[in-house]
Amino acid sequence: MRVKLRTEPRGDYENIDVMTGTSVKEIADDLADRLPYTVIAAKVDNHIEDLNFVLEEPCKVELLDMRTQAANLIYQYSLSLMYLKAVKDVLGDDVRVEIQNSLNKGLYTEIKTKEPVTEEQVQAVENRMREMVDADLPFIKTVVDREEAIRIIKEDGREEKLRLLSENLGIEKVKFYTLDGYRNFFYGFMAPSTGYIKYFQLMKYRRGVLLRFPHPSAPDRIPEYVDEVKLYQAFGEQTRWDALLGVNYVADLNDKIESGEYKELIQLSEALHEKKIAEIADMIKTQKKRLVLIAGPSSSGKTTFARRLCIQLRVNALRPLYMGTDDYFVEREDTPVDEKGEKDFENLDALDIDLFNRNMNDLLAGKKVDLPEFDFMTGHKVFGKRITSIDPSQPIVIEGIHGLNGKLTEFIPDEEKFKIYISPLTQLNIDMHNRIPTTDERMLRRMVRDYLYRGHSAQSTINQWPKVRAGEDRNIFPYSGEADVLFNSYHVYEISVLKKYAEPLLRKIAPDEEEYAEAVRMLKFLRFFRTIEDDSIIVNNSIIREFIGGSIFVD
């Protein structure tokens, strides 16, 4: 039987002959010596499958290691199940564990016990997990119908999962995984066995435990530890907000949509955003900061946030000058190139840093400055159109992906700067053990905006997403710790709004297209959410309007 095989992400296919009934695992095992990293799963004719999948007819097979989003998530699910089982073995059946959010290159979790967990207990849990790796225990998959799943979840006493599955959401089949007698529901796939999950680290962290694992850029090692204190505080603040809003899990949000209470929920969520922006504006005035730098990953809502911050600064009797860094691109012919020889517009060296610093310092000194405008048609800066000066009380608000990178403003005194990191930090999870990755939230935002305003298909957005993420890893995330304040642009209701726009776009992706597997994964995740069909109540200055339309700030 002829199989087209790909072993590198986005690489070429080669033809191989295998026996009918061969599993993907057998192919991966045969090729292990020539593969750079451990294969976790596979894409078979553009469907994600676990390694136990058996090939019965000619097909295309792509082996997936942790460099891909699909395999990375499967690694996380498998590691999480090992962690839950180990906590149960070490601390007992009555202990509750919540897997809450990404943090410090891992997952932040909380173990609910009468007394805070100790370093010794955390080490004992990690030791138990390493025993599982050495034993190479299988993850046993069982697929049951919805009624049987409800019976199992009742038996296991998982209330938040029961509420979700008891709703009529069109979920007909439910997948359970069992590890050494411990059973749980996960909506993703697992690795074949614990022997595949070799790289991890447990750390006691504040009130919880960090479950750390490799980054896709280096699948065979644990990344360097950096304490993301502001990120931890932002997630904690969002947890308090969600409790105030009465939404801890997706089932809570669905209940409010079903009852019509979502309208008040939207208003409260928007009010919390406005209050936070006003607090940041107060900080800028109190600290007498003159240069406000705003940065964040794709689809964070930077433009809307910057505009709303300017309004709040004006409420504080300040008259901010708003500008972006795009007008400081170097001349097109001087743009640096990436490893493929393509122009790299996200590289810091794509900006004229000397001119930027000179202009900002002159403005801060009260001088008249001929600010450039970049003509994207000709690829050159144009001068003479924006001759500007500001008075000593006016702050400059600047939005750009490199805003937190000290090299952008290296010739400007630090005491003038106020740095803001913005990102949607998803705190709402499907249940206690199935989290919603922030990257999924951002991709949904970008997908909807790309279609409505840029004429791009969902297929195009998914195709470009790995490149977008790689750019963020280079240019944005390493500098998030430099921020004076972090603004969480996430709304607890937004996935239910985005679903209305995103689902039809995802369904257009055909099974024979490369992006189909990711579309299916997103659709499966979206099915847990009820849809907010009427989004007219969302105010026209909302960050969500930047993506679904109707914004007063974005054309």
Protein backbone atom coordinates (compact mmCIF):
# COMPACT_ATOMS: atom_id res chain seq x y z
CA MET A 1 0.00 0.00 0.00
CA ARG A 2 1.42 3.38 -1.02
CA VAL A 3 1.52 6.14 1.59
CA LYS A 4 2.68 9.72 1.07
CA LEU A 5 4.70 10.59 4.17
CA ARG A 6 5.86 13.94 5.54
CA THR A 7 8.23 14.08 8.50
CA GLU A 8 8.93 17.83 8.71
CA PRO A 9 6.32 20.57 9.30
CA ARG A 10 5.44 22.00 5.88
CA GLY A 11 8.11 19.82 4.28
CA ASP A 12 7.92 17.66 1.17
CA TYR A 13 6.09 14.34 0.97
CA GLU A 14 7.88 11.11 0.07
CA ASN A 15 6.31 7.86 -1.10
CA ILE A 16 6.68 4.78 1.07
CA ASP A 17 5.12 1.32 0.88
CA VAL A 18 3.51 -0.19 3.99
CA MET A 19 1.32 -3.19 4.72
CA THR A 20 -2.41 -2.65 5.05
CA GLY A 21 -3.22 -2.56 8.76
CA THR A 22 0.01 -0.80 9.72
CA SER A 23 -0.37 1.73 12.55
CA VAL A 24 1.09 5.22 12.37
CA LYS A 25 3.09 4.34 15.49
CA GLU A 26 4.84 1.53 13.62
CA ILE A 27 5.88 3.94 10.86
CA ALA A 28 7.14 6.49 13.42
CA ASP A 29 9.05 3.78 15.32
CA ASP A 30 10.74 2.57 12.11
CA LEU A 31 11.87 6.13 11.34
CA ALA A 32 12.81 7.14 14.89
CA ASP A 33 16.56 7.28 14.16
CA ARG A 34 16.15 9.88 11.40
CA LEU A 35 13.57 12.06 13.16
CA PRO A 36 14.78 15.05 15.21
CA TYR A 37 12.12 14.79 17.92
CA THR A 38 9.62 12.33 19.35
CA VAL A 39 6.48 11.97 17.24
CA ILE A 40 3.37 12.57 19.37
CA ALA A 41 0.54 12.24 16.82
CA ALA A 42 -0.16 12.34 13.08
CA LYS A 43 -2.22 14.05 10.45
CA VAL A 44 -3.83 11.44 8.19
CA ASP A 45 -5.50 12.89 5.09
CA ASN A 46 -5.74 16.19 6.99
CA HIS A 47 -7.39 14.63 10.06
CA ILE A 48 -5.53 14.62 13.39
CA GLU A 49 -5.20 11.05 14.65
CA ASP A 50 -3.40 9.44 17.57
CA LEU A 51 -0.45 7.17 16.86
CA ASN A 52 -2.52 4.02 17.33
CA PHE A 53 -4.50 4.88 14.18
CA VAL A 54 -4.40 2.00 11.69
CA LEU A 55 -3.95 2.68 7.96
CA GLU A 56 -6.34 0.68 5.79
CA GLU A 57 -5.95 2.42 2.42
CA PRO A 58 -3.51 4.69 0.55
CA CYS A 59 -3.32 8.11 2.21
CA LYS A 60 -1.20 11.11 3.17
CA VAL A 61 0.47 10.93 6.59
CA GLU A 62 2.27 13.75 8.36
CA LEU A 63 4.14 12.85 11.53
CA LEU A 64 3.69 15.52 14.21
CA ASP A 65 6.14 16.40 16.95
CA MET A 66 5.91 19.22 19.47
CA ARG A 67 6.94 21.85 16.93
CA THR A 68 3.33 21.76 15.71
CA GLN A 69 0.37 23.22 17.61
CA ALA A 70 -1.61 19.98 17.43
CA ALA A 71 1.14 17.83 18.94
CA ASN A 72 2.00 20.48 21.51
CA LEU A 73 -1.59 20.45 22.80
CA ILE A 74 -1.63 16.63 22.85
CA TYR A 75 1.54 16.69 24.94
CA GLN A 76 -0.15 19.11 27.37
CA TYR A 77 -3.29 16.95 27.64
CA SER A 78 -1.21 13.82 28.28
CA LEU A 79 0.95 15.59 30.86
CA SER A 80 -2.14 16.99 32.58
CA LEU A 81 -3.70 13.55 32.92
CA MET A 82 -0.45 12.21 34.39
CA TYR A 83 -0.41 15.13 36.83
CA LEU A 84 -4.02 14.58 37.93
CA LYS A 85 -3.38 10.88 38.45
CA ALA A 86 -0.17 11.56 40.41
CA VAL A 87 -1.88 14.11 42.69
CA LYS A 88 -4.58 11.55 43.40
CA ASP A 89 -2.00 8.85 44.18
CA VAL A 90 0.09 11.11 46.46
CA LEU A 91 -2.51 13.31 48.16
CA GLY A 92 -5.67 11.19 48.04
CA ASP A 93 -9.01 10.93 46.25
CA ASP A 94 -10.63 13.94 47.94
CA VAL A 95 -8.17 16.53 46.61
CA ARG A 96 -9.46 18.83 43.86
CA VAL A 97 -7.15 20.10 41.15
CA GLU A 98 -7.77 23.01 38.80
CA ILE A 99 -5.71 23.52 35.65
CA GLN A 100 -6.19 27.25 35.21
CA ASN A 101 -4.03 29.05 32.65
CA SER A 102 -0.67 29.28 30.91
CA LEU A 103 2.10 30.90 32.96
CA ASN A 104 5.90 30.90 33.16
CA LYS A 105 6.28 28.59 30.13
CA GLY A 106 3.86 26.08 31.60
CA LEU A 107 0.44 25.66 33.19
CA TYR A 108 -0.57 27.24 36.47
CA THR A 109 -2.61 24.83 38.59
CA GLU A 110 -4.09 24.88 42.06
CA ILE A 111 -4.43 21.88 44.37
CA LYS A 112 -7.35 22.45 46.73
CA THR A 113 -6.41 21.12 50.17
CA LYS A 114 -7.06 22.28 53.72
CA GLU A 115 -3.45 23.43 54.03
CA PRO A 116 -1.30 24.81 51.18
CA VAL A 117 0.71 22.12 49.43
CA THR A 118 4.34 21.91 50.47
CA GLU A 119 7.53 21.71 48.42
CA GLU A 120 7.88 18.09 49.60
CA GLN A 121 4.39 17.19 48.37
CA VAL A 122 5.01 18.81 44.98
CA GLN A 123 8.27 16.85 44.68
CA ALA A 124 6.43 13.64 45.61
CA VAL A 125 3.88 14.29 42.84
CA GLU A 126 6.68 14.86 40.32
CA ASN A 127 8.44 11.68 41.47
CA ARG A 128 5.20 9.74 40.95
CA MET A 129 4.88 11.16 37.43
CA ARG A 130 8.43 10.09 36.61
CA GLU A 131 7.59 6.59 37.83
CA MET A 132 4.74 6.62 35.29
CA VAL A 133 7.15 7.62 32.52
CA ASP A 134 9.49 4.77 33.41
CA ALA A 135 6.56 2.32 33.52
CA ASP A 136 5.37 3.50 30.06
CA LEU A 137 1.71 3.18 31.03
CA PRO A 138 -0.87 3.34 28.19
CA PHE A 139 -3.45 6.11 27.84
CA ILE A 140 -6.57 4.05 27.15
CA LYS A 141 -9.21 5.79 25.05
CA THR A 142 -12.92 5.04 25.36
CA VAL A 143 -15.58 6.75 23.21
CA VAL A 144 -19.16 6.60 24.49
CA ASP A 145 -22.46 8.22 23.59
CA ARG A 146 -23.67 11.28 25.46
CA GLU A 147 -26.03 9.42 27.80
CA GLU A 148 -23.32 7.00 28.89
CA ALA A 149 -20.92 9.90 29.34
CA ILE A 150 -23.36 11.64 31.67
CA ARG A 151 -23.66 8.44 33.71
CA ILE A 152 -19.87 8.14 33.97
CA ILE A 153 -19.41 11.78 34.96
CA LYS A 154 -22.10 11.46 37.64
CA GLU A 155 -20.31 8.38 38.93
CA ASP A 156 -16.99 10.25 39.00
CA GLY A 157 -18.58 13.28 40.72
CA ARG A 158 -17.41 15.92 38.23
CA GLU A 159 -20.15 18.53 38.60
CA GLU A 160 -18.92 21.20 36.14
CA LYS A 161 -18.44 18.58 33.40
CA LEU A 162 -21.92 17.20 34.10
CA ARG A 163 -23.53 20.63 33.70
CA LEU A 164 -21.83 21.12 30.35
CA LEU A 165 -22.73 17.73 28.90
CA SER A 166 -26.29 17.90 30.24
CA GLU A 167 -26.96 20.83 27.90
CA ASN A 168 -28.23 20.09 24.41
CA LEU A 169 -25.16 21.28 22.47
CA GLY A 170 -25.21 18.69 19.72
CA ILE A 171 -22.51 16.62 21.42
CA GLU A 172 -23.24 12.98 20.54
CA LYS A 173 -19.95 11.24 21.40
CA VAL A 174 -17.64 11.86 24.36
CA LYS A 175 -14.04 10.72 24.68
CA PHE A 176 -12.60 9.49 28.00
CA TYR A 177 -9.03 8.51 28.76
CA THR A 178 -7.97 6.14 31.51
CA LEU A 179 -4.48 6.05 33.03
CA ASP A 180 -3.71 3.25 35.46
CA GLY A 181 -7.33 3.10 36.63
CA TYR A 182 -7.85 6.89 36.73
CA ARG A 183 -10.48 8.11 34.24
CA ASN A 184 -11.17 11.63 33.00
CA PHE A 185 -12.66 13.54 30.08
CA PHE A 186 -10.41 15.52 27.75
CA TYR A 187 -11.57 17.00 24.48
CA GLY A 188 -8.21 16.46 22.77
CA PHE A 189 -6.15 13.40 21.90
CA MET A 190 -3.46 11.77 24.05
CA ALA A 191 -0.07 10.26 23.30
CA PRO A 192 -0.03 6.45 23.19
CA SER A 193 1.61 6.11 26.61
CA THR A 194 3.38 7.93 29.42
CA GLY A 195 6.80 7.03 27.97
CA TYR A 196 6.28 9.74 25.35
CA ILE A 197 5.98 12.47 28.00
CA LYS A 198 9.57 12.64 29.23
CA TYR A 199 10.15 16.35 29.59
CA PHE A 200 8.41 18.24 32.39
CA GLN A 201 9.03 20.05 35.65
CA LEU A 202 6.83 20.74 38.68
CA MET A 203 7.39 23.85 40.78
CA LYS A 204 5.53 25.17 43.78
CA TYR A 205 4.50 28.69 42.80
CA ARG A 206 2.71 31.09 45.15
CA ARG A 207 -0.69 29.50 45.92
CA GLY A 208 -0.37 26.82 43.28
CA VAL A 209 1.87 24.54 41.27
CA LEU A 210 3.48 25.16 37.89
CA LEU A 211 3.43 22.29 35.44
CA ARG A 212 6.20 23.19 32.98
CA PHE A 213 7.00 21.54 29.64
CA PRO A 214 8.97 22.23 26.43
CA HIS A 215 8.25 25.13 24.11
CA PRO A 216 7.58 24.20 20.44
CA SER A 217 10.88 25.82 19.45
CA ALA A 218 12.84 23.29 21.57
CA PRO A 219 10.79 20.10 22.13
CA ASP A 220 13.51 18.25 24.04
CA ARG A 221 14.17 20.61 26.94
CA ILE A 222 12.42 22.66 29.59
CA PRO A 223 12.69 26.40 28.84
CA GLU A 224 14.55 28.77 31.11
CA TYR A 225 12.39 29.88 34.01
CA VAL A 226 11.29 33.50 34.06
CA ASP A 227 8.89 34.60 36.78
CA GLU A 228 6.03 36.39 34.97
CA VAL A 229 4.70 38.21 38.03
CA LYS A 230 2.53 40.72 36.17
CA LEU A 231 1.00 37.95 34.10
CA TYR A 232 0.16 36.03 37.27
CA GLN A 233 -1.45 39.15 38.73
CA ALA A 234 -3.45 39.76 35.55
CA PHE A 235 -4.82 36.22 35.53
CA GLY A 236 -5.65 36.59 39.21
CA GLU A 237 -7.50 39.83 38.53
CA GLN A 238 -9.45 38.15 35.71
CA THR A 239 -10.38 35.30 38.06
CA ARG A 240 -11.82 37.86 40.49
CA TRP A 241 -13.66 39.59 37.64
CA ASP A 242 -15.12 36.28 36.44
CA ALA A 243 -16.31 35.50 39.97
CA LEU A 244 -17.92 38.95 40.12
CA LEU A 245 -19.63 38.22 36.80
CA GLY A 246 -20.74 34.77 37.99
CA VAL A 247 -18.89 32.93 35.22
CA ASN A 248 -16.25 30.39 36.23
CA TYR A 249 -16.70 27.78 33.48
CA VAL A 250 -18.29 27.61 30.04
CA ALA A 251 -21.46 26.09 31.53
CA ASP A 252 -21.96 29.31 33.56
CA LEU A 253 -21.66 31.43 30.41
CA ASN A 254 -24.08 29.14 28.54
CA ASP A 255 -26.62 29.49 31.36
CA LYS A 256 -26.50 33.28 31.09
CA ILE A 257 -26.93 33.14 27.32
CA GLU A 258 -29.87 30.77 27.64
CA SER A 259 -31.58 32.96 30.28
CA GLY A 260 -30.87 36.26 28.53
CA GLU A 261 -28.62 37.49 31.36
CA TYR A 262 -25.73 37.76 28.89
CA LYS A 263 -26.77 41.35 28.10
CA GLU A 264 -25.99 42.48 31.62
CA LEU A 265 -22.85 40.33 31.53
CA ILE A 266 -21.62 42.21 28.44
CA GLN A 267 -22.28 45.57 30.08
CA LEU A 268 -20.45 44.59 33.27
CA SER A 269 -17.48 43.19 31.37
CA GLU A 270 -17.19 46.38 29.32
CA ALA A 271 -17.45 48.48 32.49
CA LEU A 272 -14.58 46.56 34.07
CA HIS A 273 -12.45 47.29 30.99
CA GLU A 274 -13.26 50.98 31.17
CA LYS A 275 -12.46 51.11 34.88
CA LYS A 276 -9.09 49.45 34.29
CA ILE A 277 -8.20 51.83 31.44
CA ALA A 278 -9.12 54.80 33.65
CA GLU A 279 -6.85 53.43 36.40
CA ILE A 280 -3.95 53.19 33.93
CA ALA A 281 -4.57 56.77 32.77
CA ASP A 282 -4.49 57.90 36.41
CA MET A 283 -1.14 56.13 36.90
CA ILE A 284 0.33 57.90 33.85
CA LYS A 285 -0.78 61.30 35.14
CA THR A 286 0.32 60.69 38.72
CA GLN A 287 3.75 59.49 37.61
CA LYS A 288 4.04 62.34 35.07
CA LYS A 289 5.04 59.97 32.27
CA ARG A 290 5.51 61.54 28.85
CA LEU A 291 6.07 58.53 26.54
CA VAL A 292 3.44 55.77 26.72
CA LEU A 293 4.50 52.63 24.82
CA ILE A 294 1.89 49.96 24.01
CA ALA A 295 2.75 46.49 22.68
CA GLY A 296 1.16 43.08 22.51
CA PRO A 297 0.72 40.04 20.26
CA SER A 298 -1.52 39.82 17.21
CA SER A 299 -5.24 40.47 17.75
CA SER A 300 -4.82 41.89 21.24
CA GLY A 301 -6.90 44.98 20.47
CA LYS A 302 -3.97 47.41 20.66
CA THR A 303 -5.57 50.07 18.45
CA THR A 304 -8.84 50.25 20.38
CA PHE A 305 -7.06 50.17 23.71
CA ALA A 306 -4.72 52.99 22.69
CA ARG A 307 -7.62 55.15 21.52
CA ARG A 308 -9.60 54.54 24.70
CA LEU A 309 -6.55 55.30 26.81
CA CYS A 310 -6.17 58.62 24.98
CA ILE A 311 -9.76 59.48 25.87
CA GLN A 312 -9.15 58.71 29.54
CA LEU A 313 -5.97 60.80 29.48
CA ARG A 314 -8.02 63.68 28.11
CA VAL A 315 -10.48 63.20 30.98
CA ASN A 316 -7.43 63.75 33.19
CA ALA A 317 -6.85 67.11 31.45
CA LEU A 318 -4.00 65.76 29.32
CA ARG A 319 -3.87 66.12 25.53
CA PRO A 320 -2.07 63.03 24.24
CA LEU A 321 -0.44 62.79 20.83
CA TYR A 322 -1.28 59.36 19.36
CA MET A 323 0.99 57.71 16.82
CA GLY A 324 2.26 54.34 15.62
CA THR A 325 5.74 53.10 14.75
CA ASP A 326 4.83 52.04 11.19
CA ASP A 327 5.73 55.50 9.87
CA TYR A 328 9.32 54.83 10.94
CA PHE A 329 9.97 51.91 8.60
CA VAL A 330 13.34 52.13 6.87
CA GLU A 331 13.25 52.65 3.12
CA ARG A 332 11.89 49.53 1.44
CA GLU A 333 15.23 48.65 -0.16
CA ASP A 334 16.91 48.72 3.29
CA THR A 335 14.44 46.31 4.91
CA PRO A 336 16.24 43.32 6.50
CA VAL A 337 15.49 39.84 5.17
CA ASP A 338 14.73 36.61 7.03
CA GLU A 339 16.37 33.21 6.66
CA LYS A 340 14.34 32.60 3.50
CA GLY A 341 15.49 35.84 1.90
CA GLU A 342 12.06 37.47 2.31
CA LYS A 343 11.70 41.01 3.66
CA ASP A 344 11.16 40.86 7.41
CA PHE A 345 8.97 43.83 8.33
CA GLU A 346 8.60 42.61 11.93
CA ASN A 347 12.32 42.79 12.59
CA LEU A 348 13.30 45.67 14.88
CA ASP A 349 15.90 46.67 12.29
CA ALA A 350 13.03 47.32 9.85
CA LEU A 351 12.50 50.54 11.82
CA ASP A 352 14.63 53.68 11.64
CA ILE A 353 15.48 53.66 15.35
CA ASP A 354 17.81 56.66 15.22
CA LEU A 355 15.18 58.87 13.56
CA PHE A 356 12.49 57.65 15.97
CA ASN A 357 14.57 58.44 19.05
CA ARG A 358 15.63 61.81 17.67
CA ASN A 359 12.03 62.77 16.89
CA MET A 360 10.72 61.65 20.29
CA ASN A 361 13.44 63.47 22.23
CA ASP A 362 12.84 66.64 20.22
CA LEU A 363 9.10 66.44 20.87
CA LEU A 364 9.68 65.91 24.59
CA ALA A 365 11.98 68.97 24.56
CA GLY A 366 9.20 71.11 23.04
CA LYS A 367 10.76 71.44 19.60
CA LYS A 368 8.86 71.41 16.30
CA VAL A 369 9.37 68.07 14.57
CA ASP A 370 8.78 67.00 10.97
CA LEU A 371 7.20 63.61 11.64
CA PRO A 372 7.40 61.18 8.72
CA GLU A 373 4.52 59.44 6.99
CA PHE A 374 5.40 56.13 5.41
CA ASP A 375 4.02 55.64 1.91
CA PHE A 376 3.38 51.91 1.65
CA MET A 377 2.86 52.17 -2.11
CA THR A 378 6.33 53.58 -2.81
CA GLY A 379 8.07 52.09 0.21
CA HIS A 380 9.52 55.43 1.32
CA LYS A 381 8.99 57.96 4.09
CA VAL A 382 7.38 61.29 3.15
CA PHE A 383 8.19 64.48 5.07
CA GLY A 384 6.62 67.90 5.32
CA LYS A 385 3.06 66.77 6.06
CA ARG A 386 3.14 66.51 9.87
CA ILE A 387 5.17 69.28 11.46
CA THR A 388 4.23 68.91 15.12
CA SER A 389 5.14 70.11 18.58
CA ILE A 390 3.73 69.38 22.02
CA ASP A 391 3.67 71.26 25.30
CA PRO A 392 5.24 69.92 28.52
CA SER A 393 1.98 68.42 29.77
CA GLN A 394 1.23 66.38 26.66
CA PRO A 395 2.08 62.65 26.68
CA ILE A 396 2.88 60.76 23.47
CA VAL A 397 0.97 57.48 23.12
CA ILE A 398 2.75 55.05 20.78
CA GLU A 399 1.45 51.70 19.58
CA GLY A 400 3.80 49.16 17.99
CA ILE A 401 4.97 45.56 18.32
CA HIS A 402 8.42 46.62 19.57
CA GLY A 403 7.17 49.08 22.17
CA LEU A 404 8.54 47.09 25.13
CA ASN A 405 11.91 46.36 23.53
CA GLY A 406 14.41 48.70 25.17
CA LYS A 407 16.38 49.02 21.94
CA LEU A 408 13.49 50.90 20.29
CA THR A 409 13.81 53.75 22.80
CA GLU A 410 17.40 53.27 23.96
CA PHE A 411 18.27 56.98 23.55
CA ILE A 412 15.22 58.22 25.47
CA PRO A 413 15.47 58.65 29.28
CA ASP A 414 13.78 55.77 31.13
CA GLU A 415 12.03 58.15 33.52
CA GLU A 416 9.94 59.41 30.60
CA LYS A 417 8.59 55.98 29.66
CA PHE A 418 5.45 54.10 30.70
CA LYS A 419 5.19 50.64 29.13
CA ILE A 420 1.93 48.72 28.68
CA TYR A 421 1.62 45.09 27.59
CA ILE A 422 -1.79 44.12 26.21
CA SER A 423 -3.10 40.64 25.45
CA PRO A 424 -6.36 38.69 25.80
CA LEU A 425 -5.65 36.37 28.73
CA THR A 426 -8.35 33.72 28.67
CA GLN A 427 -9.33 32.67 32.18
CA LEU A 428 -12.64 31.02 31.34
CA ASN A 429 -12.13 27.27 30.88
CA ILE A 430 -14.34 24.46 29.61
CA ASP A 431 -14.09 22.73 32.98
CA MET A 432 -11.58 22.20 35.79
CA HIS A 433 -9.16 20.26 33.60
CA ASN A 434 -9.79 21.46 30.02
CA ARG A 435 -8.46 24.97 29.52
CA ILE A 436 -8.90 27.33 26.56
CA PRO A 437 -5.51 28.38 25.17
CA THR A 438 -5.08 32.13 24.77
CA THR A 439 -3.67 31.48 21.29
CA ASP A 440 -7.03 29.99 20.23
CA GLU A 441 -8.80 33.11 21.45
CA ARG A 442 -6.49 35.35 19.46
CA MET A 443 -6.70 33.23 16.32
CA LEU A 444 -10.51 33.45 16.40
CA ARG A 445 -10.30 37.23 16.66
CA ARG A 446 -7.81 37.44 13.80
CA MET A 447 -9.77 35.02 11.63
CA VAL A 448 -12.96 37.07 11.89
CA ARG A 449 -11.16 40.37 11.30
CA ASP A 450 -9.13 38.96 8.39
CA TYR A 451 -12.33 37.88 6.67
CA LEU A 452 -14.41 41.00 7.35
CA TYR A 453 -11.76 43.66 6.67
CA ARG A 454 -8.89 42.11 4.74
CA GLY A 455 -10.65 39.71 2.39
CA HIS A 456 -8.76 36.69 3.75
CA SER A 457 -10.27 33.25 4.27
CA ALA A 458 -10.09 31.29 7.51
CA GLN A 459 -7.81 28.92 5.62
CA SER A 460 -5.36 31.79 5.01
CA THR A 461 -5.42 32.85 8.67
CA ILE A 462 -4.71 29.30 9.89
CA ASN A 463 -1.95 28.90 7.30
CA GLN A 464 -0.18 32.08 8.41
CA TRP A 465 -0.68 31.56 12.15
CA PRO A 466 2.56 29.58 12.80
CA LYS A 467 4.55 32.39 11.17
CA VAL A 468 2.67 34.98 13.24
CA ARG A 469 3.37 33.02 16.42
CA ALA A 470 7.06 32.66 15.57
CA GLY A 471 7.31 36.43 15.12
CA GLU A 472 5.65 37.00 18.49
CA ASP A 473 8.09 34.61 20.17
CA ARG A 474 10.98 36.67 18.76
CA ASN A 475 9.68 40.21 19.02
CA ILE A 476 7.00 40.47 21.70
CA PHE A 477 6.82 37.78 24.39
CA PRO A 478 10.48 38.10 25.54
CA TYR A 479 9.81 41.73 26.50
CA SER A 480 6.44 41.39 28.24
CA GLY A 481 8.17 41.48 31.62
CA GLU A 482 9.41 45.01 30.88
CA ALA A 483 5.87 46.41 31.14
CA ASP A 484 4.85 48.72 33.94
CA VAL A 485 1.30 47.42 33.66
CA LEU A 486 -0.47 44.60 31.86
CA PHE A 487 -3.93 45.12 30.36
CA ASN A 488 -6.03 42.01 29.79
CA SER A 489 -8.14 42.74 26.70
CA TYR A 490 -10.20 39.54 27.06
CA HIS A 491 -13.97 39.57 27.54
CA VAL A 492 -15.59 36.60 29.25
CA TYR A 493 -18.44 36.61 26.71
CA GLU A 494 -16.42 37.03 23.52
CA ILE A 495 -16.01 33.45 22.26
CA SER A 496 -19.79 33.10 22.16
CA VAL A 497 -19.89 36.23 19.99
CA LEU A 498 -16.98 35.24 17.75
CA LYS A 499 -18.51 31.80 17.23
CA LYS A 500 -21.30 33.26 15.10
CA TYR A 501 -18.76 34.70 12.68
CA ALA A 502 -16.04 32.04 12.84
CA GLU A 503 -18.04 28.82 12.50
CA PRO A 504 -19.22 29.42 8.90
CA LEU A 505 -15.67 30.38 7.89
CA LEU A 506 -14.19 27.24 9.43
CA ARG A 507 -16.81 25.03 7.78
CA LYS A 508 -15.77 26.34 4.35
CA ILE A 509 -12.37 24.66 4.67
CA ALA A 510 -12.51 21.45 2.63
CA PRO A 511 -11.19 18.06 3.85
CA ASP A 512 -8.49 18.00 1.17
CA GLU A 513 -6.95 21.29 2.36
CA GLU A 514 -3.94 21.40 4.70
CA GLU A 515 -5.75 23.58 7.22
CA TYR A 516 -8.72 21.22 7.60
CA ALA A 517 -7.38 19.47 10.71
CA GLU A 518 -6.98 22.74 12.59
CA ALA A 519 -10.45 23.85 11.44
CA VAL A 520 -11.95 20.63 12.82
CA ARG A 521 -10.15 21.12 16.15
CA MET A 522 -11.48 24.67 16.45
CA LEU A 523 -15.02 23.59 15.55
CA LYS A 524 -14.93 20.86 18.19
CA PHE A 525 -13.83 23.37 20.81
CA LEU A 526 -16.50 25.90 19.76
CA ARG A 527 -19.32 23.38 20.09
CA PHE A 528 -19.13 23.70 23.89
CA PHE A 529 -20.25 27.34 23.63
CA ARG A 530 -23.74 28.63 23.05
CA THR A 531 -23.85 31.39 20.44
CA ILE A 532 -24.71 35.01 21.20
CA GLU A 533 -26.68 35.79 18.05
CA ASP A 534 -27.57 39.38 18.95
CA ASP A 535 -24.40 41.33 19.58
CA SER A 536 -25.98 44.76 19.06
CA ILE A 537 -25.65 45.52 22.78
CA ILE A 538 -21.83 45.58 22.50
CA VAL A 539 -20.79 49.23 22.60
CA ASN A 540 -19.05 50.78 19.60
CA ASN A 541 -15.81 51.45 21.49
CA SER A 542 -15.46 47.83 22.65
CA ILE A 543 -12.26 45.99 21.86
CA ILE A 544 -14.42 43.23 20.34
CA ARG A 545 -15.76 45.74 17.79
CA GLU A 546 -12.22 45.93 16.37
CA PHE A 547 -12.78 42.36 15.13
CA ILE A 548 -16.50 41.95 14.43
CA GLY A 549 -17.12 45.45 13.05
CA GLY A 550 -18.93 48.56 14.21
CA SER A 551 -15.94 50.16 15.92
CA ILE A 552 -15.67 53.94 16.09
CA PHE A 553 -11.87 53.59 16.21
CA VAL A 554 -11.13 51.16 13.36
CA ASP A 555 -12.21 51.62 9.75
